Amino acid sequence: MSAALRSSKAVTEPLVGSLLQSVSRSFYLSIRFLPSGLREPVGLAYLLARATDSIADTTDVPADLRKSELRQLAEAIQGSDHGNEIAELQSSFAPYQSNQAERTLIESLPQCLTMLEQVDPEDRKDIRELLDKITRAQLLDVERFSSPATVRALATAYELNEYTYLIAGCVGEFWTHTGVRHVREFSELPTDQMLELGRAYGSGLQLINILRDAGGDLRAGRCYLPNEELQSVGLQPADILKQPGKFMPIYRKWLDKASRGIDAGMQYSLAVRPWRVRAATALPALIGARTVALLKSAGEQVLEAKIKMPRAEVRRILRSVVLSLASRKTLEKIYRG
């Protein structure tokens, strides 16, 4: 093994291994199935997105400073020389991370950026395009919800659809591009159709996150569901928790859209040929479908408590997927419940 390759692996393995596992147990369940050529760019993209998200969500830091630091990190990801600024970001933001894994991630940003320079040029291009979209959405978040004392909502359905695409719909595109490039005979469907399904899949997963966290977000001054729809039923964002009955039809409408996105995700997953990549691709859809069912059955309680799939159930699904080598028959059976 050459010295350069050993050096690259010394940077790569801890990041897409132990660090990735510590900051995302659920995503790590999927990524560990992937072949190494695909696992590295996907894992690195996730770590960078998680780091930018941590910067955007450090609400103990004033919004203007968060925006400034997020822009500098975004520029560094795109290849600009911001070494001094990244060092300052580490010292400014790491102490505010109450979660040790998140703190370690912020402290590991120089290594992540080094790894980005070492990956295949096509992977680097795709990662940068992906992070450009994600950081745009995160900056919108910071700007829109800069004052937690006032509950603000997105204005229109267009803004919500744009946001879910920028945060996660584009991940479906990224997964497709990297999959086609790294995996021989990646899919049974044409790439254009996979890109379309991937966009819907990622957006659906993000909608589930939004709907699952709706109550907590409202208490933090954030409402992602459109103000135009709230006004149509005589609601202001600040009134949702007091009048949940008027809000639930809007909530259920978007939950139905999330469910359609997960349907697209299953169609996408079943089209993937290699069983390991199919398993990695299908797991979020299987968990997402079950989460949608839990949200539907919870009714107004979704605004009072965070609904989450039990870990034991996740493990049962994972075991069935592995033992069947992610057979399409098994995946469809789990999905249909």
C-alpha atoms as a PDB file:
ATOM      1  CA  MET A   1       0.000   0.000   0.000  1.00  0.00           C
ATOM      2  CA  SER A   2       1.411   3.389  -0.980  1.00  0.00           C
ATOM      3  CA  ALA A   3       2.119   6.092   1.601  1.00  0.00           C
ATOM      4  CA  ALA A   4      -0.513   8.346  -0.023  1.00  0.00           C
ATOM      5  CA  LEU A   5      -3.162   5.624   0.192  1.00  0.00           C
ATOM      6  CA  ARG A   6      -2.262   4.871   3.814  1.00  0.00           C
ATOM      7  CA  SER A   7      -2.530   8.588   4.601  1.00  0.00           C
ATOM      8  CA  SER A   8      -5.917   8.792   2.879  1.00  0.00           C
ATOM      9  CA  LYS A   9      -7.246   5.782   4.788  1.00  0.00           C
ATOM     10  CA  ALA A  10      -5.934   7.199   8.071  1.00  0.00           C
ATOM     11  CA  VAL A  11      -8.182  10.220   7.498  1.00  0.00           C
ATOM     12  CA  THR A  12     -11.143   8.369   5.985  1.00  0.00           C
ATOM     13  CA  GLU A  13     -11.738   5.344   8.197  1.00  0.00           C
ATOM     14  CA  PRO A  14     -12.298   7.097  11.567  1.00  0.00           C
ATOM     15  CA  LEU A  15     -14.623   9.631   9.949  1.00  0.00           C
ATOM     16  CA  VAL A  16     -16.940   7.305   8.028  1.00  0.00           C
ATOM     17  CA  GLY A  17     -16.638   4.691  10.758  1.00  0.00           C
ATOM     18  CA  SER A  18     -16.777   5.591  14.432  1.00  0.00           C
ATOM     19  CA  LEU A  19     -17.585   9.297  14.045  1.00  0.00           C
ATOM     20  CA  LEU A  20     -20.390   8.682  11.570  1.00  0.00           C
ATOM     21  CA  GLN A  21     -21.828   5.985  13.827  1.00  0.00           C
ATOM     22  CA  SER A  22     -21.756   8.303  16.845  1.00  0.00           C
ATOM     23  CA  VAL A  23     -23.620  11.178  15.152  1.00  0.00           C
ATOM     24  CA  SER A  24     -26.217   9.084  13.320  1.00  0.00           C
ATOM     25  CA  ARG A  25     -27.063   5.610  14.483  1.00  0.00           C
ATOM     26  CA  SER A  26     -30.040   5.303  12.140  1.00  0.00           C
ATOM     27  CA  PHE A  27     -28.171   6.466   9.019  1.00  0.00           C
ATOM     28  CA  TYR A  28     -25.208   4.303   9.970  1.00  0.00           C
ATOM     29  CA  LEU A  29     -27.503   1.265   9.811  1.00  0.00           C
ATOM     30  CA  SER A  30     -27.911   1.993   6.106  1.00  0.00           C
ATOM     31  CA  ILE A  31     -24.434   3.141   5.169  1.00  0.00           C
ATOM     32  CA  ARG A  32     -22.622   0.141   6.570  1.00  0.00           C
ATOM     33  CA  PHE A  33     -24.243  -2.002   3.854  1.00  0.00           C
ATOM     34  CA  LEU A  34     -22.656   0.034   1.063  1.00  0.00           C
ATOM     35  CA  PRO A  35     -19.491  -0.985  -0.804  1.00  0.00           C
ATOM     36  CA  SER A  36     -16.516   1.137   0.253  1.00  0.00           C
ATOM     37  CA  GLY A  37     -16.391   3.082  -3.008  1.00  0.00           C
ATOM     38  CA  LEU A  38     -19.898   4.319  -2.359  1.00  0.00           C
ATOM     39  CA  ARG A  39     -19.728   4.422   1.446  1.00  0.00           C
ATOM     40  CA  GLU A  40     -16.926   7.002   1.554  1.00  0.00           C
ATOM     41  CA  PRO A  41     -18.530   9.817  -0.491  1.00  0.00           C
ATOM     42  CA  VAL A  42     -21.958   9.193   1.019  1.00  0.00           C
ATOM     43  CA  GLY A  43     -20.573   9.122   4.559  1.00  0.00           C
ATOM     44  CA  LEU A  44     -18.490  12.250   4.035  1.00  0.00           C
ATOM     45  CA  ALA A  45     -21.442  14.126   2.534  1.00  0.00           C
ATOM     46  CA  TYR A  46     -23.526  13.199   5.574  1.00  0.00           C
ATOM     47  CA  LEU A  47     -20.849  14.359   8.021  1.00  0.00           C
ATOM     48  CA  LEU A  48     -20.475  17.715   6.288  1.00  0.00           C
ATOM     49  CA  ALA A  49     -24.255  18.205   6.187  1.00  0.00           C
ATOM     50  CA  ARG A  50     -24.521  17.264   9.844  1.00  0.00           C
ATOM     51  CA  ALA A  51     -21.756  19.728  10.736  1.00  0.00           C
ATOM     52  CA  THR A  52     -23.400  22.602   8.861  1.00  0.00           C
ATOM     53  CA  ASP A  53     -26.692  21.685  10.516  1.00  0.00           C
ATOM     54  CA  SER A  54     -25.052  21.858  13.944  1.00  0.00           C
ATOM     55  CA  ILE A  55     -23.785  25.356  13.170  1.00  0.00           C
ATOM     56  CA  ALA A  56     -27.224  26.480  12.011  1.00  0.00           C
ATOM     57  CA  ASP A  57     -28.935  24.951  15.072  1.00  0.00           C
ATOM     58  CA  THR A  58     -26.619  26.308  17.786  1.00  0.00           C
ATOM     59  CA  THR A  59     -29.259  28.706  19.056  1.00  0.00           C
ATOM     60  CA  ASP A  60     -27.084  29.878  21.953  1.00  0.00           C
ATOM     61  CA  VAL A  61     -25.068  31.745  19.303  1.00  0.00           C
ATOM     62  CA  PRO A  62     -26.689  34.881  17.772  1.00  0.00           C
ATOM     63  CA  ALA A  63     -28.305  34.345  14.372  1.00  0.00           C
ATOM     64  CA  ASP A  64     -26.019  36.819  12.583  1.00  0.00           C
ATOM     65  CA  LEU A  65     -22.907  34.982  13.783  1.00  0.00           C
ATOM     66  CA  ARG A  66     -24.400  31.615  12.837  1.00  0.00           C
ATOM     67  CA  LYS A  67     -25.109  32.895   9.317  1.00  0.00           C
ATOM     68  CA  SER A  68     -21.598  34.307   8.978  1.00  0.00           C
ATOM     69  CA  GLU A  69     -19.900  31.117  10.156  1.00  0.00           C
ATOM     70  CA  LEU A  70     -22.206  28.926   8.085  1.00  0.00           C
ATOM     71  CA  ARG A  71     -21.373  30.920   4.957  1.00  0.00           C
ATOM     72  CA  GLN A  72     -17.653  30.588   5.656  1.00  0.00           C
ATOM     73  CA  LEU A  73     -17.961  26.840   6.168  1.00  0.00           C
ATOM     74  CA  ALA A  74     -20.020  26.571   2.975  1.00  0.00           C
ATOM     75  CA  GLU A  75     -17.304  28.430   1.083  1.00  0.00           C
ATOM     76  CA  ALA A  76     -14.621  26.169   2.576  1.00  0.00           C
ATOM     77  CA  ILE A  77     -16.574  23.122   1.394  1.00  0.00           C
ATOM     78  CA  GLN A  78     -16.639  24.645  -2.098  1.00  0.00           C
ATOM     79  CA  GLY A  79     -12.841  24.892  -2.020  1.00  0.00           C
ATOM     80  CA  SER A  80     -12.089  28.393  -0.721  1.00  0.00           C
ATOM     81  CA  ASP A  81      -9.205  28.779   1.705  1.00  0.00           C
ATOM     82  CA  HIS A  82     -10.800  29.471   5.078  1.00  0.00           C
ATOM     83  CA  GLY A  83      -8.346  27.659   7.342  1.00  0.00           C
ATOM     84  CA  ASN A  84      -8.162  30.395   9.977  1.00  0.00           C
ATOM     85  CA  GLU A  85     -11.931  30.897   9.952  1.00  0.00           C
ATOM     86  CA  ILE A  86     -12.548  27.150  10.369  1.00  0.00           C
ATOM     87  CA  ALA A  87     -10.210  27.117  13.376  1.00  0.00           C
ATOM     88  CA  GLU A  88     -12.172  30.022  14.859  1.00  0.00           C
ATOM     89  CA  LEU A  89     -15.440  28.222  14.111  1.00  0.00           C
ATOM     90  CA  GLN A  90     -14.171  25.156  15.973  1.00  0.00           C
ATOM     91  CA  SER A  91     -13.302  27.163  19.065  1.00  0.00           C
ATOM     92  CA  SER A  92     -16.532  29.200  18.899  1.00  0.00           C
ATOM     93  CA  PHE A  93     -19.071  26.440  18.303  1.00  0.00           C
ATOM     94  CA  ALA A  94     -17.631  23.216  19.730  1.00  0.00           C
ATOM     95  CA  PRO A  95     -18.103  24.296  23.393  1.00  0.00           C
ATOM     96  CA  TYR A  96     -21.828  24.900  22.770  1.00  0.00           C
ATOM     97  CA  GLN A  97     -22.449  21.307  21.646  1.00  0.00           C
ATOM     98  CA  SER A  98     -23.950  19.472  24.619  1.00  0.00           C
ATOM     99  CA  ASN A  99     -23.677  16.181  22.752  1.00  0.00           C
ATOM    100  CA  GLN A 100     -20.114  14.857  22.786  1.00  0.00           C
ATOM    101  CA  ALA A 101     -20.441  13.351  19.305  1.00  0.00           C
ATOM    102  CA  GLU A 102     -21.591  16.679  17.866  1.00  0.00           C
ATOM    103  CA  ARG A 103     -18.683  18.422  19.585  1.00  0.00           C
ATOM    104  CA  THR A 104     -16.254  15.904  18.114  1.00  0.00           C
ATOM    105  CA  LEU A 105     -17.760  16.437  14.670  1.00  0.00           C
ATOM    106  CA  ILE A 106     -17.188  20.206  14.852  1.00  0.00           C
ATOM    107  CA  GLU A 107     -13.638  19.588  16.067  1.00  0.00           C
ATOM    108  CA  SER A 108     -13.114  17.183  13.129  1.00  0.00           C
ATOM    109  CA  LEU A 109     -14.052  19.678  10.411  1.00  0.00           C
ATOM    110  CA  PRO A 110     -10.435  20.116   9.172  1.00  0.00           C
ATOM    111  CA  GLN A 111     -10.161  16.344   8.684  1.00  0.00           C
ATOM    112  CA  CYS A 112     -13.508  16.270   6.863  1.00  0.00           C
ATOM    113  CA  LEU A 113     -12.359  19.044   4.532  1.00  0.00           C
ATOM    114  CA  THR A 114      -9.066  17.212   3.964  1.00  0.00           C
ATOM    115  CA  MET A 115     -10.978  14.057   3.077  1.00  0.00           C
ATOM    116  CA  LEU A 116     -13.101  16.063   0.645  1.00  0.00           C
ATOM    117  CA  GLU A 117      -9.941  17.084  -1.223  1.00  0.00           C
ATOM    118  CA  GLN A 118      -8.813  13.453  -1.379  1.00  0.00           C
ATOM    119  CA  VAL A 119     -11.958  11.801  -2.779  1.00  0.00           C
ATOM    120  CA  ASP A 120     -12.536  11.103  -6.456  1.00  0.00           C
ATOM    121  CA  PRO A 121     -13.013  14.386  -8.391  1.00  0.00           C
ATOM    122  CA  GLU A 122     -16.498  13.392  -9.567  1.00  0.00           C
ATOM    123  CA  ASP A 123     -17.504  12.529  -5.999  1.00  0.00           C
ATOM    124  CA  ARG A 124     -16.095  15.843  -4.805  1.00  0.00           C
ATOM    125  CA  LYS A 125     -18.110  17.699  -7.438  1.00  0.00           C
ATOM    126  CA  ASP A 126     -21.328  15.934  -6.416  1.00  0.00           C
ATOM    127  CA  ILE A 127     -20.680  16.483  -2.698  1.00  0.00           C
ATOM    128  CA  ARG A 128     -20.110  20.188  -3.284  1.00  0.00           C
ATOM    129  CA  GLU A 129     -23.284  20.524  -5.351  1.00  0.00           C
ATOM    130  CA  LEU A 130     -25.225  18.707  -2.641  1.00  0.00           C
ATOM    131  CA  LEU A 131     -23.822  20.832   0.197  1.00  0.00           C
ATOM    132  CA  ASP A 132     -24.467  24.014  -1.769  1.00  0.00           C
ATOM    133  CA  LYS A 133     -28.182  23.195  -1.751  1.00  0.00           C
ATOM    134  CA  ILE A 134     -28.262  22.015   1.857  1.00  0.00           C
ATOM    135  CA  THR A 135     -26.458  25.069   3.231  1.00  0.00           C
ATOM    136  CA  ARG A 136     -28.797  27.352   1.266  1.00  0.00           C
ATOM    137  CA  ALA A 137     -31.727  25.746   3.080  1.00  0.00           C
ATOM    138  CA  GLN A 138     -29.966  26.015   6.440  1.00  0.00           C
ATOM    139  CA  LEU A 139     -29.289  29.702   5.882  1.00  0.00           C
ATOM    140  CA  LEU A 140     -32.971  30.190   5.057  1.00  0.00           C
ATOM    141  CA  ASP A 141     -33.804  28.466   8.347  1.00  0.00           C
ATOM    142  CA  VAL A 142     -31.567  30.779  10.368  1.00  0.00           C
ATOM    143  CA  GLU A 143     -32.964  33.858   8.644  1.00  0.00           C
ATOM    144  CA  ARG A 144     -36.606  32.822   8.965  1.00  0.00           C
ATOM    145  CA  PHE A 145     -36.465  31.661  12.558  1.00  0.00           C
ATOM    146  CA  SER A 146     -33.990  34.066  14.102  1.00  0.00           C
ATOM    147  CA  SER A 147     -36.319  35.007  16.983  1.00  0.00           C
ATOM    148  CA  PRO A 148     -37.626  32.003  18.971  1.00  0.00           C
ATOM    149  CA  ALA A 149     -39.860  34.301  21.018  1.00  0.00           C
ATOM    150  CA  THR A 150     -42.111  34.747  17.966  1.00  0.00           C
ATOM    151  CA  VAL A 151     -43.658  31.769  16.187  1.00  0.00           C
ATOM    152  CA  ARG A 152     -43.119  32.206  12.454  1.00  0.00           C
ATOM    153  CA  ALA A 153     -44.347  29.994   9.627  1.00  0.00           C
ATOM    154  CA  LEU A 154     -43.214  29.453   6.091  1.00  0.00           C
ATOM    155  CA  ALA A 155     -45.380  31.589   3.835  1.00  0.00           C
ATOM    156  CA  THR A 156     -46.482  29.184   1.122  1.00  0.00           C
ATOM    157  CA  ALA A 157     -46.573  25.563   0.047  1.00  0.00           C
ATOM    158  CA  TYR A 158     -43.949  26.481  -2.538  1.00  0.00           C
ATOM    159  CA  GLU A 159     -41.526  27.478   0.245  1.00  0.00           C
ATOM    160  CA  LEU A 160     -42.098  24.193   2.062  1.00  0.00           C
ATOM    161  CA  ASN A 161     -41.610  22.146  -1.103  1.00  0.00           C
ATOM    162  CA  GLU A 162     -38.481  24.142  -1.934  1.00  0.00           C
ATOM    163  CA  TYR A 163     -37.128  23.579   1.574  1.00  0.00           C
ATOM    164  CA  THR A 164     -37.725  19.810   1.592  1.00  0.00           C
ATOM    165  CA  TYR A 165     -35.997  19.545  -1.787  1.00  0.00           C
ATOM    166  CA  LEU A 166     -32.979  21.626  -0.751  1.00  0.00           C
ATOM    167  CA  ILE A 167     -32.542  19.749   2.527  1.00  0.00           C
ATOM    168  CA  ALA A 168     -33.258  16.185   1.404  1.00  0.00           C
ATOM    169  CA  GLY A 169     -34.785  15.848  -2.062  1.00  0.00           C
ATOM    170  CA  CYS A 170     -31.373  16.688  -3.510  1.00  0.00           C
ATOM    171  CA  VAL A 171     -29.934  13.812  -1.438  1.00  0.00           C
ATOM    172  CA  GLY A 172     -31.976  11.430  -3.598  1.00  0.00           C
ATOM    173  CA  GLU A 173     -30.302  12.930  -6.643  1.00  0.00           C
ATOM    174  CA  PHE A 174     -26.865  12.636  -5.025  1.00  0.00           C
ATOM    175  CA  TRP A 175     -27.487   8.990  -4.047  1.00  0.00           C
ATOM    176  CA  THR A 176     -28.477   8.241  -7.651  1.00  0.00           C
ATOM    177  CA  HIS A 177     -25.490   9.953  -9.257  1.00  0.00           C
ATOM    178  CA  THR A 178     -22.971   8.295  -6.919  1.00  0.00           C
ATOM    179  CA  GLY A 179     -24.729   4.931  -7.180  1.00  0.00           C
ATOM    180  CA  VAL A 180     -24.709   4.947 -10.982  1.00  0.00           C
ATOM    181  CA  ARG A 181     -21.047   5.942 -11.002  1.00  0.00           C
ATOM    182  CA  HIS A 182     -19.796   3.450  -8.395  1.00  0.00           C
ATOM    183  CA  VAL A 183     -22.094   0.452  -8.789  1.00  0.00           C
ATOM    184  CA  ARG A 184     -22.247  -1.593 -11.959  1.00  0.00           C
ATOM    185  CA  GLU A 185     -25.845  -2.040 -13.150  1.00  0.00           C
ATOM    186  CA  PHE A 186     -27.094   0.086 -10.283  1.00  0.00           C
ATOM    187  CA  SER A 187     -30.757   0.103 -11.252  1.00  0.00           C
ATOM    188  CA  GLU A 188     -33.397  -1.595 -13.361  1.00  0.00           C
ATOM    189  CA  LEU A 189     -34.952   1.796 -14.143  1.00  0.00           C
ATOM    190  CA  PRO A 190     -33.539   4.612 -16.312  1.00  0.00           C
ATOM    191  CA  THR A 191     -31.417   7.166 -14.464  1.00  0.00           C
ATOM    192  CA  ASP A 192     -33.857  10.008 -15.176  1.00  0.00           C
ATOM    193  CA  GLN A 193     -36.677   8.059 -13.520  1.00  0.00           C
ATOM    194  CA  MET A 194     -34.466   7.183 -10.557  1.00  0.00           C
ATOM    195  CA  LEU A 195     -33.568  10.862 -10.137  1.00  0.00           C
ATOM    196  CA  GLU A 196     -37.256  11.787 -10.079  1.00  0.00           C
ATOM    197  CA  LEU A 197     -38.105   9.046  -7.582  1.00  0.00           C
ATOM    198  CA  GLY A 198     -35.052   9.952  -5.486  1.00  0.00           C
ATOM    199  CA  ARG A 199     -36.139  13.584  -5.232  1.00  0.00           C
ATOM    200  CA  ALA A 200     -39.606  12.556  -4.063  1.00  0.00           C
ATOM    201  CA  TYR A 201     -38.114  10.012  -1.631  1.00  0.00           C
ATOM    202  CA  GLY A 202     -35.760  12.469   0.042  1.00  0.00           C
ATOM    203  CA  SER A 203     -38.427  15.164   0.241  1.00  0.00           C
ATOM    204  CA  GLY A 204     -40.843  12.675   1.787  1.00  0.00           C
ATOM    205  CA  LEU A 205     -38.332  11.692   4.456  1.00  0.00           C
ATOM    206  CA  GLN A 206     -37.758  15.341   5.319  1.00  0.00           C
ATOM    207  CA  LEU A 207     -41.509  15.950   5.556  1.00  0.00           C
ATOM    208  CA  ILE A 208     -41.725  13.099   8.056  1.00  0.00           C
ATOM    209  CA  ASN A 209     -39.017  14.770  10.159  1.00  0.00           C
ATOM    210  CA  ILE A 210     -40.897  18.070  10.021  1.00  0.00           C
ATOM    211  CA  LEU A 211     -44.222  16.513  10.968  1.00  0.00           C
ATOM    212  CA  ARG A 212     -42.733  14.361  13.721  1.00  0.00           C
ATOM    213  CA  ASP A 213     -41.041  17.422  15.257  1.00  0.00           C
ATOM    214  CA  ALA A 214     -43.947  19.833  14.725  1.00  0.00           C
ATOM    215  CA  GLY A 215     -44.776  20.322  18.405  1.00  0.00           C
ATOM    216  CA  GLY A 216     -41.188  20.913  19.491  1.00  0.00           C
ATOM    217  CA  ASP A 217     -40.590  23.257  16.584  1.00  0.00           C
ATOM    218  CA  LEU A 218     -43.654  25.330  17.480  1.00  0.00           C
ATOM    219  CA  ARG A 219     -42.382  25.726  21.034  1.00  0.00           C
ATOM    220  CA  ALA A 220     -39.065  26.882  19.580  1.00  0.00           C
ATOM    221  CA  GLY A 221     -40.750  29.478  17.349  1.00  0.00           C
ATOM    222  CA  ARG A 222     -40.727  27.473  14.110  1.00  0.00           C
ATOM    223  CA  CYS A 223     -43.616  26.362  11.932  1.00  0.00           C
ATOM    224  CA  TYR A 224     -42.799  24.739   8.608  1.00  0.00           C
ATOM    225  CA  LEU A 225     -46.386  24.282   7.479  1.00  0.00           C
ATOM    226  CA  PRO A 226     -47.567  27.135   5.238  1.00  0.00           C
ATOM    227  CA  ASN A 227     -49.066  30.269   6.735  1.00  0.00           C
ATOM    228  CA  GLU A 228     -51.398  30.570   3.741  1.00  0.00           C
ATOM    229  CA  GLU A 229     -53.000  27.261   4.738  1.00  0.00           C
ATOM    230  CA  LEU A 230     -53.185  28.215   8.415  1.00  0.00           C
ATOM    231  CA  GLN A 231     -54.934  31.461   7.526  1.00  0.00           C
ATOM    232  CA  SER A 232     -57.457  29.581   5.396  1.00  0.00           C
ATOM    233  CA  VAL A 233     -58.759  27.907   8.580  1.00  0.00           C
ATOM    234  CA  GLY A 234     -58.444  31.026  10.742  1.00  0.00           C
ATOM    235  CA  LEU A 235     -55.218  30.095  12.501  1.00  0.00           C
ATOM    236  CA  GLN A 236     -52.083  32.031  13.359  1.00  0.00           C
ATOM    237  CA  PRO A 237     -48.884  30.012  13.927  1.00  0.00           C
ATOM    238  CA  ALA A 238     -48.898  30.928  17.623  1.00  0.00           C
ATOM    239  CA  ASP A 239     -52.424  29.501  18.001  1.00  0.00           C
ATOM    240  CA  ILE A 240     -51.740  25.973  16.735  1.00  0.00           C
ATOM    241  CA  LEU A 241     -50.942  24.429  20.115  1.00  0.00           C
ATOM    242  CA  LYS A 242     -54.113  25.991  21.594  1.00  0.00           C
ATOM    243  CA  GLN A 243     -56.367  24.880  18.737  1.00  0.00           C
ATOM    244  CA  PRO A 244     -54.910  21.630  17.413  1.00  0.00           C
ATOM    245  CA  GLY A 245     -58.247  20.464  16.027  1.00  0.00           C
ATOM    246  CA  LYS A 246     -58.234  23.219  13.399  1.00  0.00           C
ATOM    247  CA  PHE A 247     -54.635  22.434  12.536  1.00  0.00           C
ATOM    248  CA  MET A 248     -54.865  18.667  12.059  1.00  0.00           C
ATOM    249  CA  PRO A 249     -56.488  18.667   8.573  1.00  0.00           C
ATOM    250  CA  ILE A 250     -53.489  20.659   7.304  1.00  0.00           C
ATOM    251  CA  TYR A 251     -51.131  18.319   9.130  1.00  0.00           C
ATOM    252  CA  ARG A 252     -52.804  15.232   7.654  1.00  0.00           C
ATOM    253  CA  LYS A 253     -52.615  16.680   4.137  1.00  0.00           C
ATOM    254  CA  TRP A 254     -48.849  16.999   4.384  1.00  0.00           C
ATOM    255  CA  LEU A 255     -48.574  13.615   6.067  1.00  0.00           C
ATOM    256  CA  ASP A 256     -50.311  12.123   3.029  1.00  0.00           C
ATOM    257  CA  LYS A 257     -47.736  13.823   0.806  1.00  0.00           C
ATOM    258  CA  ALA A 258     -44.939  12.405   2.953  1.00  0.00           C
ATOM    259  CA  SER A 259     -46.469   8.959   2.529  1.00  0.00           C
ATOM    260  CA  ARG A 260     -46.468   9.365  -1.257  1.00  0.00           C
ATOM    261  CA  GLY A 261     -42.790  10.292  -1.063  1.00  0.00           C
ATOM    262  CA  ILE A 262     -42.087   7.084   0.853  1.00  0.00           C
ATOM    263  CA  ASP A 263     -44.024   5.128  -1.789  1.00  0.00           C
ATOM    264  CA  ALA A 264     -41.650   6.648  -4.363  1.00  0.00           C
ATOM    265  CA  GLY A 265     -38.765   5.611  -2.133  1.00  0.00           C
ATOM    266  CA  MET A 266     -39.882   2.004  -2.131  1.00  0.00           C
ATOM    267  CA  GLN A 267     -40.253   2.049  -5.906  1.00  0.00           C
ATOM    268  CA  TYR A 268     -36.728   3.453  -6.060  1.00  0.00           C
ATOM    269  CA  SER A 269     -35.366   0.859  -3.634  1.00  0.00           C
ATOM    270  CA  LEU A 270     -36.941  -2.116  -5.397  1.00  0.00           C
ATOM    271  CA  ALA A 271     -35.321  -0.993  -8.652  1.00  0.00           C
ATOM    272  CA  VAL A 272     -31.802  -1.113  -7.147  1.00  0.00           C
ATOM    273  CA  ARG A 273     -30.023  -4.291  -8.266  1.00  0.00           C
ATOM    274  CA  PRO A 274     -27.191  -5.135  -5.772  1.00  0.00           C
ATOM    275  CA  TRP A 275     -28.815  -6.457  -2.613  1.00  0.00           C
ATOM    276  CA  ARG A 276     -26.531  -4.591  -0.215  1.00  0.00           C
ATOM    277  CA  VAL A 277     -27.223  -1.239  -1.867  1.00  0.00           C
ATOM    278  CA  ARG A 278     -30.922  -2.141  -2.082  1.00  0.00           C
ATOM    279  CA  ALA A 279     -30.935  -2.848   1.666  1.00  0.00           C
ATOM    280  CA  ALA A 280     -29.258   0.478   2.451  1.00  0.00           C
ATOM    281  CA  THR A 281     -31.676   2.326   0.190  1.00  0.00           C
ATOM    282  CA  ALA A 282     -34.825   0.640   1.491  1.00  0.00           C
ATOM    283  CA  LEU A 283     -34.244   0.913   5.251  1.00  0.00           C
ATOM    284  CA  PRO A 284     -35.213   4.626   5.527  1.00  0.00           C
ATOM    285  CA  ALA A 285     -38.409   3.896   3.578  1.00  0.00           C
ATOM    286  CA  LEU A 286     -39.333   0.977   5.827  1.00  0.00           C
ATOM    287  CA  ILE A 287     -38.725   3.051   8.959  1.00  0.00           C
ATOM    288  CA  GLY A 288     -40.437   6.055   7.373  1.00  0.00           C
ATOM    289  CA  ALA A 289     -43.581   4.083   6.498  1.00  0.00           C
ATOM    290  CA  ARG A 290     -43.874   2.838  10.058  1.00  0.00           C
ATOM    291  CA  THR A 291     -43.305   6.367  11.397  1.00  0.00           C
ATOM    292  CA  VAL A 292     -46.081   7.709   9.155  1.00  0.00           C
ATOM    293  CA  ALA A 293     -48.430   5.052  10.570  1.00  0.00           C
ATOM    294  CA  LEU A 294     -47.501   6.044  14.136  1.00  0.00           C
ATOM    295  CA  LEU A 295     -48.064   9.741  13.379  1.00  0.00           C
ATOM    296  CA  LYS A 296     -51.466   9.012  11.863  1.00  0.00           C
ATOM    297  CA  SER A 297     -52.587   6.961  14.854  1.00  0.00           C
ATOM    298  CA  ALA A 298     -51.305   9.537  17.371  1.00  0.00           C
ATOM    299  CA  GLY A 299     -53.707  12.272  16.240  1.00  0.00           C
ATOM    300  CA  GLU A 300     -53.323  15.520  18.151  1.00  0.00           C
ATOM    301  CA  GLN A 301     -50.808  13.873  20.481  1.00  0.00           C
ATOM    302  CA  VAL A 302     -48.152  14.443  17.812  1.00  0.00           C
ATOM    303  CA  LEU A 303     -47.974  18.021  19.089  1.00  0.00           C
ATOM    304  CA  GLU A 304     -47.395  16.940  22.679  1.00  0.00           C
ATOM    305  CA  ALA A 305     -44.815  14.180  22.419  1.00  0.00           C
ATOM    306  CA  LYS A 306     -42.201  13.183  19.862  1.00  0.00           C
ATOM    307  CA  ILE A 307     -43.383  10.045  18.121  1.00  0.00           C
ATOM    308  CA  LYS A 308     -40.561   7.626  17.454  1.00  0.00           C
ATOM    309  CA  MET A 309     -40.318   4.071  16.235  1.00  0.00           C
ATOM    310  CA  PRO A 310     -39.109   1.714  19.017  1.00  0.00           C
ATOM    311  CA  ARG A 311     -35.533   0.528  18.566  1.00  0.00           C
ATOM    312  CA  ALA A 312     -36.609  -3.085  19.026  1.00  0.00           C
ATOM    313  CA  GLU A 313     -38.853  -2.741  15.989  1.00  0.00           C
ATOM    314  CA  VAL A 314     -36.036  -1.184  13.972  1.00  0.00           C
ATOM    315  CA  ARG A 315     -33.822  -4.135  14.899  1.00  0.00           C
ATOM    316  CA  ARG A 316     -36.528  -6.608  13.813  1.00  0.00           C
ATOM    317  CA  ILE A 317     -36.815  -4.920  10.440  1.00  0.00           C
ATOM    318  CA  LEU A 318     -33.044  -4.834  10.036  1.00  0.00           C
ATOM    319  CA  ARG A 319     -32.776  -8.529  10.881  1.00  0.00           C
ATOM    320  CA  SER A 320     -35.456  -9.469   8.342  1.00  0.00           C
ATOM    321  CA  VAL A 321     -33.777  -7.399   5.642  1.00  0.00           C
ATOM    322  CA  VAL A 322     -30.365  -8.956   6.264  1.00  0.00           C
ATOM    323  CA  LEU A 323     -31.565 -12.552   6.562  1.00  0.00           C
ATOM    324  CA  SER A 324     -33.486 -12.272   3.290  1.00  0.00           C
ATOM    325  CA  LEU A 325     -30.577 -10.515   1.534  1.00  0.00           C
ATOM    326  CA  ALA A 326     -33.013  -7.651   0.992  1.00  0.00           C
ATOM    327  CA  SER A 327     -35.228  -9.734  -1.267  1.00  0.00           C
ATOM    328  CA  ARG A 328     -37.856  -7.651  -3.006  1.00  0.00           C
ATOM    329  CA  LYS A 329     -40.588  -9.933  -1.681  1.00  0.00           C
ATOM    330  CA  THR A 330     -39.451  -9.382   1.924  1.00  0.00           C
ATOM    331  CA  LEU A 331     -39.076  -5.619   1.488  1.00  0.00           C
ATOM    332  CA  GLU A 332     -42.588  -5.331   0.046  1.00  0.00           C
ATOM    333  CA  LYS A 333     -44.020  -7.494   2.822  1.00  0.00           C
ATOM    334  CA  ILE A 334     -42.415  -5.348   5.552  1.00  0.00           C
ATOM    335  CA  TYR A 335     -43.496  -2.159   3.794  1.00  0.00           C
ATOM    336  CA  ARG A 336     -47.118  -3.219   3.535  1.00  0.00           C
ATOM    337  CA  GLY A 337     -47.086  -4.133   7.219  1.00  0.00           C
END
